[in-house]
Amino acid sequence: MIDRAQKFSLARQAKLLAFSRSSVYYSSRPVSVGELALMRRIDKLHLEYQLAGIRMFEVGHMHVATLMEKISIKATYRRPNCGI
């Protein structure tokens, strides 16, 4: 679709194809080895303890929450009854 060897600029090609210009220049960053190891550990612990949430880990809670969301894991526990 986008050809860098074209005579049109990348911005013009993106406009013609109705793409966001920022998506043309974006290249995803590979996941680090440390994050992969942490995701494997989270997944392993989740299989053993489905009730385990982000507070079970000693690294940052928000980082663990982000990784759990990335690998589609949620703790299964009883939620409060909000009257619905």
C-alpha atoms as a PDB file:
ATOM      1  CA  MET A   1       0.000   0.000   0.000  1.00  0.00           C
ATOM      2  CA  ILE A   2       2.463   2.651   1.139  1.00  0.00           C
ATOM      3  CA  ASP A   3       5.541   2.621  -1.064  1.00  0.00           C
ATOM      4  CA  ARG A   4       8.574   4.544   0.127  1.00  0.00           C
ATOM      5  CA  ALA A   5      10.042   4.541  -3.402  1.00  0.00           C
ATOM      6  CA  GLN A   6       7.061   6.435  -4.873  1.00  0.00           C
ATOM      7  CA  LYS A   7       7.384   9.986  -6.155  1.00  0.00           C
ATOM      8  CA  PHE A   8       4.597  11.039  -3.746  1.00  0.00           C
ATOM      9  CA  SER A   9       5.569  11.844  -0.189  1.00  0.00           C
ATOM     10  CA  LEU A  10       4.512   9.483   2.581  1.00  0.00           C
ATOM     11  CA  ALA A  11       2.149  12.129   3.921  1.00  0.00           C
ATOM     12  CA  ARG A  12       0.457  12.447   0.516  1.00  0.00           C
ATOM     13  CA  GLN A  13       0.157   8.651   0.128  1.00  0.00           C
ATOM     14  CA  ALA A  14      -1.361   8.374   3.599  1.00  0.00           C
ATOM     15  CA  LYS A  15      -3.855  11.111   2.777  1.00  0.00           C
ATOM     16  CA  LEU A  16      -4.841   9.430  -0.509  1.00  0.00           C
ATOM     17  CA  LEU A  17      -5.347   6.075   1.247  1.00  0.00           C
ATOM     18  CA  ALA A  18      -7.171   7.711   4.189  1.00  0.00           C
ATOM     19  CA  PHE A  19      -4.576   6.481   6.692  1.00  0.00           C
ATOM     20  CA  SER A  20      -3.415   8.334   9.731  1.00  0.00           C
ATOM     21  CA  ARG A  21       0.002   9.768   8.942  1.00  0.00           C
ATOM     22  CA  SER A  22       1.356   8.682  12.306  1.00  0.00           C
ATOM     23  CA  SER A  23       0.500   5.035  11.581  1.00  0.00           C
ATOM     24  CA  VAL A  24       2.748   5.157   8.515  1.00  0.00           C
ATOM     25  CA  TYR A  25       5.804   6.079  10.572  1.00  0.00           C
ATOM     26  CA  TYR A  26       4.985   3.856  13.574  1.00  0.00           C
ATOM     27  CA  SER A  27       6.947   0.655  14.099  1.00  0.00           C
ATOM     28  CA  SER A  28       6.093  -1.477  17.102  1.00  0.00           C
ATOM     29  CA  ARG A  29       8.681  -1.974  19.806  1.00  0.00           C
ATOM     30  CA  PRO A  30       9.639  -5.587  20.600  1.00  0.00           C
ATOM     31  CA  VAL A  31       8.778  -6.914  24.064  1.00  0.00           C
ATOM     32  CA  SER A  32      11.820  -7.154  26.319  1.00  0.00           C
ATOM     33  CA  VAL A  33      13.071 -10.428  27.752  1.00  0.00           C
ATOM     34  CA  GLY A  34      12.300  -9.259  31.294  1.00  0.00           C
ATOM     35  CA  GLU A  35       8.683  -8.473  30.438  1.00  0.00           C
ATOM     36  CA  LEU A  36       8.268 -11.841  28.706  1.00  0.00           C
ATOM     37  CA  ALA A  37       9.595 -13.612  31.801  1.00  0.00           C
ATOM     38  CA  LEU A  38       7.237 -11.612  34.025  1.00  0.00           C
ATOM     39  CA  MET A  39       4.269 -12.391  31.751  1.00  0.00           C
ATOM     40  CA  ARG A  40       5.127 -16.105  31.871  1.00  0.00           C
ATOM     41  CA  ARG A  41       5.293 -15.950  35.688  1.00  0.00           C
ATOM     42  CA  ILE A  42       1.965 -14.097  35.858  1.00  0.00           C
ATOM     43  CA  ASP A  43       0.368 -16.673  33.566  1.00  0.00           C
ATOM     44  CA  LYS A  44       1.782 -19.596  35.561  1.00  0.00           C
ATOM     45  CA  LEU A  45       0.585 -18.148  38.877  1.00  0.00           C
ATOM     46  CA  HIS A  46      -2.813 -17.355  37.390  1.00  0.00           C
ATOM     47  CA  LEU A  47      -3.252 -20.993  36.373  1.00  0.00           C
ATOM     48  CA  GLU A  48      -2.486 -22.091  39.945  1.00  0.00           C
ATOM     49  CA  TYR A  49      -4.371 -19.320  41.764  1.00  0.00           C
ATOM     50  CA  GLN A  50      -7.238 -17.816  39.771  1.00  0.00           C
ATOM     51  CA  LEU A  51      -7.985 -15.473  42.666  1.00  0.00           C
ATOM     52  CA  ALA A  52      -4.545 -13.843  42.458  1.00  0.00           C
ATOM     53  CA  GLY A  53      -4.672 -10.225  41.432  1.00  0.00           C
ATOM     54  CA  ILE A  54      -2.084  -7.531  40.888  1.00  0.00           C
ATOM     55  CA  ARG A  55      -1.270  -7.198  44.583  1.00  0.00           C
ATOM     56  CA  MET A  56       0.243 -10.695  44.712  1.00  0.00           C
ATOM     57  CA  PHE A  57       3.366  -9.510  42.895  1.00  0.00           C
ATOM     58  CA  GLU A  58       6.187  -7.459  44.327  1.00  0.00           C
ATOM     59  CA  VAL A  59       6.751  -5.346  41.221  1.00  0.00           C
ATOM     60  CA  GLY A  60       4.717  -2.229  40.457  1.00  0.00           C
ATOM     61  CA  HIS A  61       0.966  -2.791  40.600  1.00  0.00           C
ATOM     62  CA  MET A  62       0.265  -0.723  37.505  1.00  0.00           C
ATOM     63  CA  HIS A  63       2.923  -2.573  35.503  1.00  0.00           C
ATOM     64  CA  VAL A  64       1.458  -5.935  36.473  1.00  0.00           C
ATOM     65  CA  ALA A  65      -2.046  -4.662  35.687  1.00  0.00           C
ATOM     66  CA  THR A  66      -0.897  -3.567  32.235  1.00  0.00           C
ATOM     67  CA  LEU A  67       0.755  -6.918  31.538  1.00  0.00           C
ATOM     68  CA  MET A  68      -2.294  -8.835  32.793  1.00  0.00           C
ATOM     69  CA  GLU A  69      -4.473  -6.775  30.472  1.00  0.00           C
ATOM     70  CA  LYS A  70      -2.074  -7.404  27.586  1.00  0.00           C
ATOM     71  CA  ILE A  71      -2.303 -11.191  28.023  1.00  0.00           C
ATOM     72  CA  SER A  72      -6.058 -11.038  28.772  1.00  0.00           C
ATOM     73  CA  ILE A  73      -5.950 -12.261  32.364  1.00  0.00           C
ATOM     74  CA  LYS A  74      -8.386 -11.149  35.058  1.00  0.00           C
ATOM     75  CA  ALA A  75      -8.570 -12.306  38.648  1.00  0.00           C
ATOM     76  CA  THR A  76     -11.768 -14.207  39.362  1.00  0.00           C
ATOM     77  CA  TYR A  77     -13.279 -13.105  42.614  1.00  0.00           C
ATOM     78  CA  ARG A  78     -16.664 -12.068  43.793  1.00  0.00           C
ATOM     79  CA  ARG A  79     -17.448  -8.515  42.836  1.00  0.00           C
ATOM     80  CA  PRO A  80     -19.481  -6.264  45.099  1.00  0.00           C
ATOM     81  CA  ASN A  81     -23.226  -6.184  44.470  1.00  0.00           C
ATOM     82  CA  CYS A  82     -23.870  -2.790  42.996  1.00  0.00           C
ATOM     83  CA  GLY A  83     -27.641  -3.145  42.887  1.00  0.00           C
ATOM     84  CA  ILE A  84     -28.033  -3.912  39.198  1.00  0.00           C
END
